[in-house]
Structure formats: C-alpha cells, structure tokens
Amino acid sequence: MEERQHEGPVEISLVGDLTENEADLCEKLLAVEPGGECVLYIDSLGGSPYTAMALTSLLTLRGLRATGVVAGECSSAALWPFAACHRRLVTRFSVLLFHPMKWQSEENVGLGEAAEWARHFGQLEGDMDRLLAELLDFPNEKIQQWVQAGRYVTGPELADAGLAKLIELKALPWLRSGR
C-alpha cells in the first residue's frame, strides 16, 4: 500500500470530551517532533482539569509551535491547550466558555476525603486560572470576571481583546465552481 506523505504542520482535532480522548490526543502531540509545528482544530466542551494540564504541558514543555483554531466550541478544560498555542484563530461563530471548576465523584467518599478534595480543587482552580491568564498574556482579573460569570465569549470578543485573530469563513473558489 502506498503511504501518502503529508506536507505542512501536523493537524490534530480536539473534538468532544478531552478526557475521553486523552490517550489519543497525547499520542498525536507526542508524534510532533519537539519544537515542531501543529494545528489544533478545536470543537470541545472540555473535560477534566488534569487532561487540560496534560495537553498544555505537552504543548509547552515540548516547545510545540501550535496554531489553535476554534472551529466551533472551546469550553472549560479546552481553554488551556488553546491558550498554550502560539497562534490563536477564531471565527465569528466560535464560542469559548469560561466557568468555575466543577468536580464530582461517583464513589462513596468520607467527609475527610471530600474536604481534602474541596481544598485541593480550590487551590488547583486558582493555580489554573493564573496559568490561563499567563498563557493568554491577559489580566487575571479579567479572566476572573469571565470565570465567575460563567461567561460565553464569542470569537469577535476574543479577537477584540487581542487574544486571537478573527478569520472569516468564505466560500472558497473550488466550492463555487459547482454552480
């Protein structure tokens, strides 16, 4: 069977729940050579904060020159890998949800363990929000306003804030030729 060579940066889709796709996403990021380029197409409702940190760590620690494209939704945990991208692109239809961290346990836990989880998640949430502000090079106070309000930020709003470049979706010439 003939193997097709791909030209240009590796393209990776971050779609759906990141946690359910974590192993595959990590493998795809590890396939990009350190310092290499990739494009992340994002349409994700988020996932675990630990998955967000794993993907963000791979992007930053390996020095990947990633372009993040919000093709639809970039919410919750998906915000961190997007923020870790060197170049960020949105459309007028892109939406990004900033909200306070949520956690749940499907196991029976004792009061002491629940209290420890609450303490840990409080600290983790603060640390992650500061990292998000740092990655975006944006004031943490503004991030906090969006998070506390559970704010949906549109692509144009993100571009107006200087956090991404707004790109237009247009019918491409090869699509028009069928008329």
Protein backbone atom coordinates (compact mmCIF):
# COMPACT_ATOMS: atom_id res chain seq x y z
CA MET A 1 0.00 0.00 0.00
CA GLU A 2 1.31 3.43 -0.93
CA GLU A 3 1.97 5.75 2.01
CA ARG A 4 0.97 9.35 1.44
CA GLN A 5 3.39 12.00 2.71
CA HIS A 6 1.76 14.91 4.50
CA GLU A 7 3.15 18.34 3.80
CA GLY A 8 2.90 21.16 6.29
CA PRO A 9 2.21 21.05 10.01
CA VAL A 10 0.56 18.05 11.66
CA GLU A 11 -3.19 18.62 12.03
CA ILE A 12 -4.90 17.39 15.19
CA SER A 13 -8.58 17.65 16.12
CA LEU A 14 -9.56 18.25 19.73
CA VAL A 15 -13.22 17.30 19.50
CA GLY A 16 -15.73 16.33 22.15
CA ASP A 17 -14.79 15.44 25.71
CA LEU A 18 -10.99 15.76 26.01
CA THR A 19 -10.86 13.27 28.86
CA GLU A 20 -12.43 10.51 26.76
CA ASN A 21 -9.83 11.17 24.02
CA GLU A 22 -6.81 11.93 26.24
CA ALA A 23 -4.64 8.94 25.29
CA ASP A 24 -5.14 9.52 21.55
CA LEU A 25 -4.56 13.29 21.85
CA CYS A 26 -1.37 12.81 23.89
CA GLU A 27 -0.09 10.27 21.36
CA LYS A 28 -0.77 12.69 18.49
CA LEU A 29 1.02 15.55 20.28
CA LEU A 30 3.97 13.27 21.07
CA ALA A 31 4.17 12.40 17.36
CA VAL A 32 5.03 16.04 16.62
CA GLU A 33 8.79 16.47 16.89
CA PRO A 34 9.95 18.72 19.77
CA GLY A 35 9.87 22.32 18.55
CA GLY A 36 7.72 21.25 15.60
CA GLU A 37 4.56 22.79 14.23
CA CYS A 38 1.00 21.58 14.50
CA VAL A 39 -2.52 22.90 14.05
CA LEU A 40 -5.16 22.12 16.66
CA TYR A 41 -8.74 22.31 15.39
CA ILE A 42 -10.91 22.68 18.49
CA ASP A 43 -14.59 21.88 18.98
CA SER A 44 -14.67 20.70 22.57
CA LEU A 45 -16.88 21.10 25.61
CA GLY A 46 -13.82 20.48 27.80
CA GLY A 47 -13.14 17.67 30.24
CA SER A 48 -11.03 17.01 33.29
CA PRO A 49 -8.71 19.77 34.53
CA TYR A 50 -5.96 17.13 34.69
CA THR A 51 -6.43 16.38 31.00
CA ALA A 52 -6.24 20.11 30.30
CA MET A 53 -2.93 20.27 32.17
CA ALA A 54 -1.53 17.17 30.46
CA LEU A 55 -2.23 18.56 26.97
CA THR A 56 -0.99 22.03 27.93
CA SER A 57 2.18 20.52 29.43
CA LEU A 58 2.91 18.56 26.25
CA LEU A 59 2.46 21.68 24.13
CA THR A 60 4.63 23.92 26.29
CA LEU A 61 7.31 21.55 27.60
CA ARG A 62 7.97 20.17 24.11
CA GLY A 63 8.11 23.70 22.65
CA LEU A 64 5.46 22.93 20.04
CA ARG A 65 4.62 25.82 17.76
CA ALA A 66 0.90 25.21 17.72
CA THR A 67 -1.81 27.15 15.95
CA GLY A 68 -5.16 26.78 17.70
CA VAL A 69 -8.28 27.16 15.58
CA VAL A 70 -11.63 27.29 17.36
CA ALA A 71 -13.77 25.62 14.72
CA GLY A 72 -16.82 25.60 16.99
CA GLU A 73 -16.73 25.49 20.80
CA CYS A 74 -13.71 25.80 23.07
CA SER A 75 -15.03 25.48 26.58
CA SER A 76 -13.87 24.69 30.06
CA ALA A 77 -10.75 22.47 30.03
CA ALA A 78 -10.23 23.03 26.28
CA LEU A 79 -9.27 26.65 27.06
CA TRP A 80 -5.81 25.70 28.39
CA PRO A 81 -4.48 23.89 25.30
CA PHE A 82 -5.90 26.72 23.17
CA ALA A 83 -4.17 29.31 25.38
CA ALA A 84 -0.87 27.37 25.05
CA CYS A 85 -0.93 27.86 21.27
CA HIS A 86 1.49 30.42 19.83
CA ARG A 87 -1.11 31.50 17.30
CA ARG A 88 -4.83 31.53 18.06
CA LEU A 89 -7.56 31.83 15.42
CA VAL A 90 -11.34 32.19 15.86
CA THR A 91 -14.32 32.81 13.60
CA ARG A 92 -17.36 34.94 14.27
CA PHE A 93 -19.14 31.69 15.17
CA SER A 94 -16.55 30.49 17.70
CA VAL A 95 -17.60 30.44 21.35
CA LEU A 96 -15.48 29.96 24.46
CA LEU A 97 -16.99 29.20 27.87
CA PHE A 98 -15.14 30.36 30.98
CA HIS A 99 -16.61 28.98 34.23
CA PRO A 100 -15.63 27.98 37.77
CA MET A 101 -14.15 24.50 38.07
CA LYS A 102 -16.59 21.69 38.78
CA TRP A 103 -15.80 18.32 40.21
CA GLN A 104 -17.74 15.23 41.04
CA SER A 105 -17.09 11.85 42.49
CA GLU A 106 -19.04 8.77 41.56
CA GLU A 107 -17.60 6.91 44.53
CA ASN A 108 -18.62 6.95 48.17
CA VAL A 109 -16.10 9.13 49.97
CA GLY A 110 -15.76 10.03 53.59
CA LEU A 111 -16.10 13.55 54.92
CA GLY A 112 -12.33 13.95 55.38
CA GLU A 113 -11.57 12.93 51.80
CA ALA A 114 -14.32 15.20 50.47
CA ALA A 115 -12.89 18.11 52.47
CA GLU A 116 -9.41 17.38 51.07
CA TRP A 117 -10.80 17.25 47.52
CA ALA A 118 -12.50 20.60 48.08
CA ARG A 119 -9.27 22.14 49.39
CA HIS A 120 -7.26 20.66 46.52
CA PHE A 121 -9.72 21.79 43.84
CA GLY A 122 -9.85 25.30 45.31
CA GLN A 123 -6.06 25.56 45.04
CA LEU A 124 -5.98 23.88 41.61
CA GLU A 125 -8.64 26.25 40.27
CA GLY A 126 -6.70 29.33 41.40
CA ASP A 127 -3.42 27.99 40.00
CA MET A 128 -5.00 27.04 36.68
CA ASP A 129 -6.75 30.40 36.30
CA ARG A 130 -3.43 32.19 36.89
CA LEU A 131 -1.76 29.94 34.32
CA LEU A 132 -4.55 30.65 31.83
CA ALA A 133 -4.06 34.40 32.28
CA GLU A 134 -0.29 33.97 31.88
CA LEU A 135 -0.59 31.83 28.73
CA LEU A 136 -3.03 34.32 27.20
CA ASP A 137 -0.94 37.27 28.42
CA PHE A 138 -4.15 38.78 29.74
CA PRO A 139 -5.01 40.23 33.18
CA ASN A 140 -6.06 37.57 35.67
CA GLU A 141 -8.72 39.98 36.97
CA LYS A 142 -10.45 39.92 33.56
CA ILE A 143 -10.21 36.13 33.39
CA GLN A 144 -11.78 36.02 36.88
CA GLN A 145 -14.66 38.23 35.74
CA TRP A 146 -15.39 35.84 32.88
CA VAL A 147 -14.98 32.72 35.07
CA GLN A 148 -17.18 33.94 37.91
CA ALA A 149 -19.91 34.98 35.48
CA GLY A 150 -19.76 31.64 33.63
CA ARG A 151 -19.25 33.78 30.53
CA TYR A 152 -19.58 32.69 26.93
CA VAL A 153 -17.05 34.78 24.99
CA THR A 154 -17.54 34.95 21.24
CA GLY A 155 -14.80 34.80 18.64
CA PRO A 156 -15.13 38.51 17.81
CA GLU A 157 -14.97 39.42 21.52
CA LEU A 158 -11.83 37.33 21.98
CA ALA A 159 -10.26 38.97 18.93
CA ASP A 160 -11.24 42.45 20.20
CA ALA A 161 -9.49 41.61 23.49
CA GLY A 162 -6.33 40.86 21.47
CA LEU A 163 -6.30 37.16 22.44
CA ALA A 164 -6.86 35.69 18.97
CA LYS A 165 -7.10 36.66 15.33
CA LEU A 166 -10.54 36.69 13.75
CA ILE A 167 -10.72 34.82 10.46
CA GLU A 168 -13.65 34.90 8.06
CA LEU A 169 -15.36 31.84 6.69
CA LYS A 170 -15.93 32.33 2.98
CA ALA A 171 -16.95 30.13 0.12
CA LEU A 172 -13.70 29.06 -1.48
CA PRO A 173 -13.27 29.25 -5.27
CA TRP A 174 -13.29 25.45 -5.76
CA LEU A 175 -16.63 25.28 -3.92
CA ARG A 176 -18.21 27.89 -6.20
CA SER A 177 -17.23 26.07 -9.40
CA GLY A 178 -20.13 23.62 -8.94
CA ARG A 179 -22.74 26.30 -9.69
